[in-house]
C-alpha atoms as a PDB file:
ATOM      1  CA  MET A   1       0.000   0.000   0.000  1.00  0.00           C
ATOM      2  CA  ALA A   2       1.294   3.427  -0.917  1.00  0.00           C
ATOM      3  CA  SER A   3       2.418   5.741   1.878  1.00  0.00           C
ATOM      4  CA  ASN A   4       0.963   9.237   2.312  1.00  0.00           C
ATOM      5  CA  LEU A   5       3.950  10.709   4.153  1.00  0.00           C
ATOM      6  CA  GLY A   6       4.658  13.186   1.369  1.00  0.00           C
ATOM      7  CA  PHE A   7       8.149  12.063   0.408  1.00  0.00           C
ATOM      8  CA  PRO A   8      10.241  14.246  -1.917  1.00  0.00           C
ATOM      9  CA  ARG A   9      11.110  12.884  -5.342  1.00  0.00           C
ATOM     10  CA  ILE A  10      13.329   9.869  -4.705  1.00  0.00           C
ATOM     11  CA  TYR A  11      15.658   7.918  -6.978  1.00  0.00           C
ATOM     12  CA  LEU A  12      16.771   4.474  -5.800  1.00  0.00           C
ATOM     13  CA  LEU A  13      20.242   3.291  -6.750  1.00  0.00           C
ATOM     14  CA  PRO A  14      19.753  -0.261  -8.074  1.00  0.00           C
ATOM     15  CA  SER A  15      23.141  -1.472  -6.804  1.00  0.00           C
ATOM     16  CA  HIS A  16      22.856  -4.203  -4.133  1.00  0.00           C
ATOM     17  CA  LEU A  17      19.054  -4.060  -4.257  1.00  0.00           C
ATOM     18  CA  GLU A  18      17.013  -7.179  -4.913  1.00  0.00           C
ATOM     19  CA  PRO A  19      14.139  -6.913  -7.438  1.00  0.00           C
ATOM     20  CA  SER A  20      11.676  -7.683  -4.644  1.00  0.00           C
ATOM     21  CA  GLN A  21      13.002  -4.740  -2.625  1.00  0.00           C
ATOM     22  CA  LEU A  22      12.673  -2.400  -5.605  1.00  0.00           C
ATOM     23  CA  HIS A  23       9.066  -3.480  -6.171  1.00  0.00           C
ATOM     24  CA  TYR A  24       8.291  -2.979  -2.486  1.00  0.00           C
ATOM     25  CA  PHE A  25       9.592   0.589  -2.440  1.00  0.00           C
ATOM     26  CA  GLU A  26       7.884   1.379  -5.750  1.00  0.00           C
ATOM     27  CA  GLU A  27       4.547   0.389  -4.253  1.00  0.00           C
ATOM     28  CA  ALA A  28       5.161   2.063  -0.889  1.00  0.00           C
ATOM     29  CA  VAL A  29       6.505   5.414  -2.147  1.00  0.00           C
ATOM     30  CA  PRO A  30       4.485   7.116  -4.918  1.00  0.00           C
ATOM     31  CA  SER A  31       7.111   9.833  -5.454  1.00  0.00           C
ATOM     32  CA  ILE A  32       9.817   7.458  -6.699  1.00  0.00           C
ATOM     33  CA  THR A  33      11.198   8.582 -10.058  1.00  0.00           C
ATOM     34  CA  TYR A  34      13.171   6.601 -12.610  1.00  0.00           C
ATOM     35  CA  ASP A  35      15.133   9.657 -13.782  1.00  0.00           C
ATOM     36  CA  ILE A  36      17.913  10.664 -11.400  1.00  0.00           C
ATOM     37  CA  ASN A  37      17.900  14.203 -12.850  1.00  0.00           C
ATOM     38  CA  GLU A  38      14.389  14.724 -11.458  1.00  0.00           C
ATOM     39  CA  ALA A  39      15.193  13.440  -7.977  1.00  0.00           C
ATOM     40  CA  ASP A  40      15.563  15.525  -4.832  1.00  0.00           C
ATOM     41  CA  LEU A  41      16.923  12.598  -2.828  1.00  0.00           C
ATOM     42  CA  VAL A  42      19.090   9.722  -4.056  1.00  0.00           C
ATOM     43  CA  LEU A  43      18.968   6.646  -1.824  1.00  0.00           C
ATOM     44  CA  GLY A  44      21.084   3.518  -1.941  1.00  0.00           C
ATOM     45  CA  LYS A  45      22.773   0.777   0.036  1.00  0.00           C
ATOM     46  CA  ILE A  46      25.954   2.788   0.465  1.00  0.00           C
ATOM     47  CA  SER A  47      27.750   4.155   3.509  1.00  0.00           C
ATOM     48  CA  LYS A  48      30.644   6.283   2.202  1.00  0.00           C
ATOM     49  CA  ARG A  49      30.759   9.798   0.755  1.00  0.00           C
ATOM     50  CA  GLU A  50      33.211   8.618  -1.921  1.00  0.00           C
ATOM     51  CA  ARG A  51      30.775   5.945  -3.082  1.00  0.00           C
ATOM     52  CA  ALA A  52      28.001   8.545  -3.246  1.00  0.00           C
ATOM     53  CA  GLU A  53      30.150  10.763  -5.470  1.00  0.00           C
ATOM     54  CA  PHE A  54      30.988   7.758  -7.656  1.00  0.00           C
ATOM     55  CA  GLU A  55      27.312   6.847  -8.119  1.00  0.00           C
ATOM     56  CA  LEU A  56      26.457  10.402  -9.178  1.00  0.00           C
ATOM     57  CA  ARG A  57      29.300  10.416 -11.702  1.00  0.00           C
ATOM     58  CA  ARG A  58      28.232   7.032 -13.035  1.00  0.00           C
ATOM     59  CA  HIS A  59      24.720   8.373 -13.628  1.00  0.00           C
ATOM     60  CA  ASN A  60      26.121  11.518 -15.339  1.00  0.00           C
ATOM     61  CA  LEU A  61      24.702  13.815 -12.669  1.00  0.00           C
ATOM     62  CA  ARG A  62      26.988  16.796 -12.083  1.00  0.00           C
ATOM     63  CA  ILE A  63      26.830  18.313  -8.599  1.00  0.00           C
ATOM     64  CA  GLN A  64      28.221  21.520  -7.142  1.00  0.00           C
ATOM     65  CA  PRO A  65      28.923  20.552  -3.500  1.00  0.00           C
ATOM     66  CA  ASP A  66      27.655  22.729  -0.690  1.00  0.00           C
ATOM     67  CA  SER A  67      29.972  25.504   0.405  1.00  0.00           C
ATOM     68  CA  VAL A  68      29.955  24.148   3.941  1.00  0.00           C
ATOM     69  CA  SER A  69      33.020  21.952   4.397  1.00  0.00           C
ATOM     70  CA  GLY A  70      33.215  18.716   6.291  1.00  0.00           C
ATOM     71  CA  GLY A  71      29.769  17.499   5.285  1.00  0.00           C
ATOM     72  CA  ASP A  72      27.839  19.753   7.715  1.00  0.00           C
ATOM     73  CA  PHE A  73      24.486  19.817   5.943  1.00  0.00           C
ATOM     74  CA  HIS A  74      22.286  19.754   9.041  1.00  0.00           C
ATOM     75  CA  SER A  75      20.361  23.002   8.628  1.00  0.00           C
ATOM     76  CA  THR A  76      19.416  22.569   4.982  1.00  0.00           C
ATOM     77  CA  ALA A  77      19.046  18.799   5.162  1.00  0.00           C
ATOM     78  CA  ARG A  78      16.411  19.003   7.863  1.00  0.00           C
ATOM     79  CA  ASP A  79      14.436  21.540   5.868  1.00  0.00           C
ATOM     80  CA  ILE A  80      14.380  19.294   2.831  1.00  0.00           C
ATOM     81  CA  ALA A  81      13.502  16.144   4.750  1.00  0.00           C
ATOM     82  CA  LEU A  82      10.610  17.759   6.652  1.00  0.00           C
ATOM     83  CA  VAL A  83       8.898  19.474   3.715  1.00  0.00           C
ATOM     84  CA  ARG A  84       5.309  18.384   3.749  1.00  0.00           C
ATOM     85  CA  ARG A  85       3.476  17.491   0.585  1.00  0.00           C
ATOM     86  CA  GLU A  86      -0.078  16.722  -0.305  1.00  0.00           C
ATOM     87  CA  ALA A  87      -0.920  13.044  -0.264  1.00  0.00           C
ATOM     88  CA  VAL A  88      -0.797  11.283  -3.603  1.00  0.00           C
ATOM     89  CA  GLU A  89      -4.162   9.820  -4.522  1.00  0.00           C
ATOM     90  CA  GLU A  90      -4.344   6.074  -5.004  1.00  0.00           C
ATOM     91  CA  GLN A  91      -4.716   5.038  -8.637  1.00  0.00           C
ATOM     92  CA  PRO A  92      -5.921   1.590  -9.751  1.00  0.00           C
ATOM     93  CA  ASN A  93      -3.336   1.470 -12.515  1.00  0.00           C
ATOM     94  CA  SER A  94      -0.151  -0.067 -11.081  1.00  0.00           C
ATOM     95  CA  LYS A  95       1.909   1.422 -13.917  1.00  0.00           C
ATOM     96  CA  ARG A  96       1.147   5.014 -12.962  1.00  0.00           C
ATOM     97  CA  ARG A  97       3.892   7.566 -13.446  1.00  0.00           C
ATOM     98  CA  LYS A  98       5.751   8.026 -10.156  1.00  0.00           C
ATOM     99  CA  LYS A  99       6.982  11.599 -10.266  1.00  0.00           C
ATOM    100  CA  GLY A 100       6.315  14.490  -7.896  1.00  0.00           C
ATOM    101  CA  ASP A 101       6.224  17.425 -10.303  1.00  0.00           C
ATOM    102  CA  ALA A 102       2.497  18.042 -10.552  1.00  0.00           C
ATOM    103  CA  GLN A 103       1.613  16.699  -7.098  1.00  0.00           C
ATOM    104  CA  HIS A 104       4.110  18.856  -5.158  1.00  0.00           C
ATOM    105  CA  PRO A 105       4.621  22.295  -6.725  1.00  0.00           C
ATOM    106  CA  ASP A 106       5.675  23.888  -3.399  1.00  0.00           C
ATOM    107  CA  TYR A 107       8.640  21.594  -3.005  1.00  0.00           C
ATOM    108  CA  GLN A 108       9.750  22.111  -6.599  1.00  0.00           C
ATOM    109  CA  THR A 109       9.766  25.864  -6.095  1.00  0.00           C
ATOM    110  CA  ALA A 110      11.734  25.671  -2.834  1.00  0.00           C
ATOM    111  CA  GLU A 111      14.399  23.127  -3.807  1.00  0.00           C
ATOM    112  CA  ASN A 112      14.222  22.530  -7.544  1.00  0.00           C
ATOM    113  CA  SER A 113      17.969  22.203  -8.121  1.00  0.00           C
ATOM    114  CA  ARG A 114      19.196  20.565  -4.933  1.00  0.00           C
ATOM    115  CA  VAL A 115      19.966  16.871  -4.534  1.00  0.00           C
ATOM    116  CA  GLN A 116      21.179  14.850  -1.575  1.00  0.00           C
ATOM    117  CA  VAL A 117      22.448  11.289  -1.312  1.00  0.00           C
ATOM    118  CA  LEU A 118      21.171   9.381   1.723  1.00  0.00           C
ATOM    119  CA  LYS A 119      21.497   5.915   3.120  1.00  0.00           C
ATOM    120  CA  LEU A 120      18.603   3.639   2.232  1.00  0.00           C
ATOM    121  CA  SER A 121      17.952   3.130   5.934  1.00  0.00           C
ATOM    122  CA  TRP A 122      16.418   6.632   6.041  1.00  0.00           C
ATOM    123  CA  LEU A 123      13.538   5.452   3.861  1.00  0.00           C
ATOM    124  CA  THR A 124      13.036   2.192   5.734  1.00  0.00           C
ATOM    125  CA  ASP A 125      13.063   4.007   9.088  1.00  0.00           C
ATOM    126  CA  CYS A 126      10.538   6.572   7.830  1.00  0.00           C
ATOM    127  CA  LEU A 127       8.206   3.815   6.661  1.00  0.00           C
ATOM    128  CA  ALA A 128       8.644   1.908   9.914  1.00  0.00           C
ATOM    129  CA  GLN A 129       7.906   4.928  12.134  1.00  0.00           C
ATOM    130  CA  GLY A 130       5.226   6.392   9.887  1.00  0.00           C
ATOM    131  CA  ARG A 131       6.756   9.877   9.691  1.00  0.00           C
ATOM    132  CA  LEU A 132       9.454  11.837   7.899  1.00  0.00           C
ATOM    133  CA  LEU A 133      12.724  11.792   9.819  1.00  0.00           C
ATOM    134  CA  PRO A 134      15.560  14.351   9.785  1.00  0.00           C
ATOM    135  CA  VAL A 135      18.332  13.263   7.454  1.00  0.00           C
ATOM    136  CA  ASP A 136      21.209  14.357   9.702  1.00  0.00           C
ATOM    137  CA  ASN A 137      22.306  10.816  10.531  1.00  0.00           C
ATOM    138  CA  TYR A 138      21.764   9.466   7.010  1.00  0.00           C
ATOM    139  CA  LEU A 139      23.289  12.155   4.797  1.00  0.00           C
ATOM    140  CA  LEU A 140      26.351  11.191   2.727  1.00  0.00           C
ATOM    141  CA  TYR A 141      26.641  13.931   0.118  1.00  0.00           C
ATOM    142  CA  GLY A 142      24.712  16.949  -1.085  1.00  0.00           C
ATOM    143  CA  GLY A 143      24.849  19.860  -3.461  1.00  0.00           C
ATOM    144  CA  PHE A 144      23.188  21.662  -6.337  1.00  0.00           C
ATOM    145  CA  LYS A 145      22.648  20.205  -9.778  1.00  0.00           C
ATOM    146  CA  ILE A 146      24.731  21.622 -12.615  1.00  0.00           C
ATOM    147  CA  SER A 147      22.839  21.750 -15.886  1.00  0.00           C
ATOM    148  CA  SER A 148      24.703  20.076 -18.751  1.00  0.00           C
ATOM    149  CA  HIS A 149      23.022  22.437 -21.238  1.00  0.00           C
ATOM    150  CA  VAL A 150      24.638  25.604 -19.884  1.00  0.00           C
ATOM    151  CA  GLY A 151      28.241  26.418 -20.729  1.00  0.00           C
ATOM    152  CA  SER A 152      30.808  28.050 -18.486  1.00  0.00           C
ATOM    153  CA  GLY A 153      29.713  31.533 -19.490  1.00  0.00           C
ATOM    154  CA  GLY A 154      26.047  30.822 -18.829  1.00  0.00           C
ATOM    155  CA  GLN A 155      25.222  30.767 -22.533  1.00  0.00           C
ATOM    156  CA  GLN A 156      23.065  28.139 -24.127  1.00  0.00           C
ATOM    157  CA  PRO A 157      24.683  26.194 -26.975  1.00  0.00           C
ATOM    158  CA  GLU A 158      23.886  27.451 -30.428  1.00  0.00           C
ATOM    159  CA  THR A 159      22.103  24.226 -31.257  1.00  0.00           C
ATOM    160  CA  GLN A 160      19.448  25.093 -28.686  1.00  0.00           C
ATOM    161  CA  ASN A 161      18.492  28.180 -30.700  1.00  0.00           C
ATOM    162  CA  ILE A 162      17.710  26.241 -33.863  1.00  0.00           C
ATOM    163  CA  SER A 163      13.980  26.217 -34.435  1.00  0.00           C
ATOM    164  CA  THR A 164      12.010  23.109 -35.248  1.00  0.00           C
ATOM    165  CA  GLY A 165      11.086  24.536 -38.645  1.00  0.00           C
ATOM    166  CA  ALA A 166      14.747  24.962 -39.598  1.00  0.00           C
ATOM    167  CA  ILE A 167      15.472  21.359 -38.648  1.00  0.00           C
ATOM    168  CA  LEU A 168      12.567  20.110 -40.756  1.00  0.00           C
ATOM    169  CA  ARG A 169      13.674  22.196 -43.732  1.00  0.00           C
ATOM    170  CA  ARG A 170      17.211  20.838 -43.450  1.00  0.00           C
ATOM    171  CA  ALA A 171      15.886  17.282 -43.320  1.00  0.00           C
ATOM    172  CA  ALA A 172      13.754  17.892 -46.421  1.00  0.00           C
ATOM    173  CA  GLU A 173      16.759  19.276 -48.335  1.00  0.00           C
ATOM    174  CA  ASP A 174      18.908  16.290 -47.377  1.00  0.00           C
ATOM    175  CA  HIS A 175      16.166  13.925 -48.471  1.00  0.00           C
ATOM    176  CA  ALA A 176      15.903  15.657 -51.859  1.00  0.00           C
ATOM    177  CA  VAL A 177      19.667  15.462 -52.417  1.00  0.00           C
ATOM    178  CA  ASN A 178      19.781  11.774 -51.492  1.00  0.00           C
ATOM    179  CA  THR A 179      16.873  11.017 -53.811  1.00  0.00           C
ATOM    180  CA  ALA A 180      18.619  12.768 -56.727  1.00  0.00           C
ATOM    181  CA  ASN A 181      21.853  10.880 -56.083  1.00  0.00           C
ATOM    182  CA  ARG A 182      20.055   7.540 -56.053  1.00  0.00           C
ATOM    183  CA  ALA A 183      18.267   8.358 -59.294  1.00  0.00           C
ATOM    184  CA  GLU A 184      21.547   9.324 -60.980  1.00  0.00           C
ATOM    185  CA  SER A 185      23.331   6.183 -59.844  1.00  0.00           C
ATOM    186  CA  SER A 186      20.459   3.955 -60.976  1.00  0.00           C
ATOM    187  CA  SER A 187      20.669   5.388 -64.521  1.00  0.00           C
ATOM    188  CA  LEU A 188      24.236   4.111 -64.987  1.00  0.00           C
ATOM    189  CA  PRO A 189      24.681   0.851 -66.945  1.00  0.00           C
ATOM    190  CA  PHE A 190      26.515  -0.716 -63.996  1.00  0.00           C
ATOM    191  CA  ASN A 191      27.030  -0.162 -60.331  1.00  0.00           C
ATOM    192  CA  LEU A 192      30.252   1.709 -59.609  1.00  0.00           C
ATOM    193  CA  HIS A 193      30.365   0.198 -56.148  1.00  0.00           C
ATOM    194  CA  ASP A 194      30.194  -3.355 -57.459  1.00  0.00           C
ATOM    195  CA  PRO A 195      33.485  -5.085 -56.556  1.00  0.00           C
ATOM    196  CA  ARG A 196      33.496  -6.790 -59.998  1.00  0.00           C
ATOM    197  CA  HIS A 197      34.026  -3.389 -61.658  1.00  0.00           C
ATOM    198  CA  SER A 198      36.694  -2.195 -59.230  1.00  0.00           C
ATOM    199  CA  ARG A 199      40.018  -1.425 -60.894  1.00  0.00           C
ATOM    200  CA  HIS A 200      42.072  -2.395 -57.866  1.00  0.00           C
ATOM    201  CA  PRO A 201      41.226  -5.637 -56.106  1.00  0.00           C
ATOM    202  CA  PRO A 202      41.326  -5.549 -52.314  1.00  0.00           C
ATOM    203  CA  PRO A 203      44.707  -6.499 -50.839  1.00  0.00           C
ATOM    204  CA  PRO A 204      44.928 -10.000 -49.435  1.00  0.00           C
ATOM    205  CA  LEU A 205      44.772 -10.379 -45.698  1.00  0.00           C
ATOM    206  CA  GLN A 206      47.980 -11.296 -43.948  1.00  0.00           C
ATOM    207  CA  ARG A 207      47.434 -14.469 -42.027  1.00  0.00           C
ATOM    208  CA  GLN A 208      48.763 -14.443 -38.515  1.00  0.00           C
ATOM    209  CA  THR A 209      48.553 -16.728 -35.554  1.00  0.00           C
ATOM    210  CA  THR A 210      48.783 -15.929 -31.889  1.00  0.00           C
ATOM    211  CA  SER A 211      51.913 -18.051 -31.561  1.00  0.00           C
ATOM    212  CA  GLU A 212      53.826 -15.635 -33.811  1.00  0.00           C
ATOM    213  CA  ASN A 213      53.308 -12.816 -31.313  1.00  0.00           C
ATOM    214  CA  ASP A 214      54.033 -14.847 -28.212  1.00  0.00           C
ATOM    215  CA  THR A 215      56.819 -13.462 -26.063  1.00  0.00           C
ATOM    216  CA  ARG A 216      58.699 -15.427 -23.481  1.00  0.00           C
ATOM    217  CA  LEU A 217      58.347 -13.416 -20.303  1.00  0.00           C
ATOM    218  CA  PRO A 218      60.972 -13.588 -17.568  1.00  0.00           C
ATOM    219  CA  GLU A 219      60.093 -15.512 -14.464  1.00  0.00           C
ATOM    220  CA  ILE A 220      58.772 -13.572 -11.502  1.00  0.00           C
ATOM    221  CA  PRO A 221      61.218 -13.799  -8.584  1.00  0.00           C
ATOM    222  CA  GLU A 222      60.184 -15.718  -5.519  1.00  0.00           C
ATOM    223  CA  PHE A 223      60.461 -12.657  -3.289  1.00  0.00           C
ATOM    224  CA  LEU A 224      57.542 -11.071  -5.164  1.00  0.00           C
ATOM    225  CA  HIS A 225      55.153 -13.914  -4.320  1.00  0.00           C
ATOM    226  CA  THR A 226      53.934 -12.255  -1.134  1.00  0.00           C
ATOM    227  CA  THR A 227      50.516 -11.802   0.377  1.00  0.00           C
ATOM    228  CA  TYR A 228      50.739  -8.070   0.983  1.00  0.00           C
ATOM    229  CA  SER A 229      52.160  -5.353  -1.241  1.00  0.00           C
ATOM    230  CA  CYS A 230      54.073  -3.818   1.665  1.00  0.00           C
ATOM    231  CA  GLN A 231      56.217  -6.980   1.749  1.00  0.00           C
ATOM    232  CA  ARG A 232      57.519  -6.488  -1.791  1.00  0.00           C
ATOM    233  CA  PRO A 233      61.028  -5.042  -2.020  1.00  0.00           C
ATOM    234  CA  THR A 234      60.874  -1.935  -4.209  1.00  0.00           C
ATOM    235  CA  PRO A 235      64.058  -0.262  -5.509  1.00  0.00           C
ATOM    236  CA  LEU A 236      64.461   3.499  -5.426  1.00  0.00           C
ATOM    237  CA  HIS A 237      64.940   3.613  -9.204  1.00  0.00           C
ATOM    238  CA  PRO A 238      62.985   0.723 -10.770  1.00  0.00           C
ATOM    239  CA  PRO A 239      63.594  -0.411 -14.385  1.00  0.00           C
ATOM    240  CA  ASN A 240      60.303   1.169 -15.538  1.00  0.00           C
ATOM    241  CA  GLU A 241      60.930   4.506 -13.841  1.00  0.00           C
ATOM    242  CA  LYS A 242      60.077   6.647 -16.896  1.00  0.00           C
ATOM    243  CA  PHE A 243      56.747   4.913 -17.371  1.00  0.00           C
ATOM    244  CA  ILE A 244      56.000   5.221 -13.662  1.00  0.00           C
ATOM    245  CA  LEU A 245      56.643   8.974 -13.794  1.00  0.00           C
ATOM    246  CA  GLU A 246      54.002   9.306 -16.519  1.00  0.00           C
ATOM    247  CA  LEU A 247      51.531   7.341 -14.410  1.00  0.00           C
ATOM    248  CA  LYS A 248      52.231   9.647 -11.475  1.00  0.00           C
ATOM    249  CA  LYS A 249      51.373  12.652 -13.643  1.00  0.00           C
ATOM    250  CA  ILE A 250      48.011  11.084 -14.483  1.00  0.00           C
ATOM    251  CA  ARG A 251      47.451  10.292 -10.805  1.00  0.00           C
ATOM    252  CA  THR A 252      48.105  13.937  -9.920  1.00  0.00           C
ATOM    253  CA  LEU A 253      45.562  14.999 -12.547  1.00  0.00           C
ATOM    254  CA  ARG A 254      42.961  12.641 -11.063  1.00  0.00           C
ATOM    255  CA  LEU A 255      43.709  14.095  -7.626  1.00  0.00           C
ATOM    256  CA  LEU A 256      43.148  17.652  -8.862  1.00  0.00           C
ATOM    257  CA  GLN A 257      39.875  16.533 -10.453  1.00  0.00           C
ATOM    258  CA  GLY A 258      38.712  15.105  -7.140  1.00  0.00           C
ATOM    259  CA  ASN A 259      38.544  11.543  -8.488  1.00  0.00           C
ATOM    260  CA  GLN A 260      39.639   9.631  -5.392  1.00  0.00           C
ATOM    261  CA  ILE A 261      38.775   6.273  -6.933  1.00  0.00           C
ATOM    262  CA  GLY A 262      41.085   6.966  -9.874  1.00  0.00           C
ATOM    263  CA  VAL A 263      43.841   8.060  -7.484  1.00  0.00           C
ATOM    264  CA  ARG A 264      43.662   4.760  -5.618  1.00  0.00           C
ATOM    265  CA  ALA A 265      43.654   2.770  -8.851  1.00  0.00           C
ATOM    266  CA  TYR A 266      46.762   4.499 -10.196  1.00  0.00           C
ATOM    267  CA  SER A 267      48.506   4.228  -6.819  1.00  0.00           C
ATOM    268  CA  THR A 268      47.964   0.471  -6.825  1.00  0.00           C
ATOM    269  CA  SER A 269      49.316   0.150 -10.367  1.00  0.00           C
ATOM    270  CA  ILE A 270      52.343   2.317  -9.582  1.00  0.00           C
ATOM    271  CA  ALA A 271      53.158   0.254  -6.496  1.00  0.00           C
ATOM    272  CA  ALA A 272      52.971  -3.025  -8.416  1.00  0.00           C
ATOM    273  CA  LEU A 273      54.987  -1.703 -11.350  1.00  0.00           C
ATOM    274  CA  SER A 274      57.675  -0.240  -9.094  1.00  0.00           C
ATOM    275  CA  ALA A 275      58.367  -3.674  -7.625  1.00  0.00           C
ATOM    276  CA  TYR A 276      58.549  -5.422 -11.024  1.00  0.00           C
ATOM    277  CA  PRO A 277      62.263  -6.151 -11.662  1.00  0.00           C
ATOM    278  CA  HIS A 278      62.137  -6.264 -15.481  1.00  0.00           C
ATOM    279  CA  VAL A 279      61.574  -3.684 -18.221  1.00  0.00           C
ATOM    280  CA  ILE A 280      58.109  -3.897 -19.747  1.00  0.00           C
ATOM    281  CA  GLN A 281      58.271  -4.396 -23.519  1.00  0.00           C
ATOM    282  CA  SER A 282      55.851  -5.061 -26.343  1.00  0.00           C
ATOM    283  CA  SER A 283      55.917  -8.150 -28.544  1.00  0.00           C
ATOM    284  CA  HIS A 284      58.163  -6.228 -30.993  1.00  0.00           C
ATOM    285  CA  GLY A 285      60.757  -5.454 -28.334  1.00  0.00           C
ATOM    286  CA  LYS A 286      59.881  -1.759 -27.984  1.00  0.00           C
END
């Protein structure tokens, strides 16, 4: 049965959620939306701020974080969580559209560009207690949505100014040109694109096997077969030092971009490569 608590527009992250759980929340919360760009709250089975940022990036949702540092969103978070809405009327059609635009105009006016990522336990606790709870203890990340249609100078792209009539006229002109080209080609006594009339036959394919490109790799020393990376002896100047320096530049770029997941990935690769005692080469010896 649908709840009448007046939830904001909610998007559920499908990761780690069983289909039965998704169906349960869809029936219990009428304001669930399937478009993350429309959501005011994003809920999921996550517990880290970094994972929340990763999920937003994966769904192509750009966020300008709140100016308050350290994740102190208490004042604004409580306001958003306790906004009351009108109850959504029950509809017999189970495939009704679950969005809160028309049902809750007051909330859209107050917080139409803000989004917050909460733990899924906030929703389950609200349903269990029958009331909207403050989000202070559930909040992972929050900020304001950045529109992908507005450039850095606040100008709309030129393509947005093209009218529908101009697009239709362009399509009609392209269709006329394509029709004329097909009529001209059909009047020729033979098809120019027929391979039988080609002056130059296609070059033969060079047959290769995987064994031709096999390279005998040096054996990995016994001292590298360790359980933990901290146990691997790493020289100060490893054989692949130049390549490692390039990887460190990319890691620094990821750090400046705020991509902590990319920083950890490159750090792991750099650590493993620094302990490798041989020069990495391609199958051609380069």
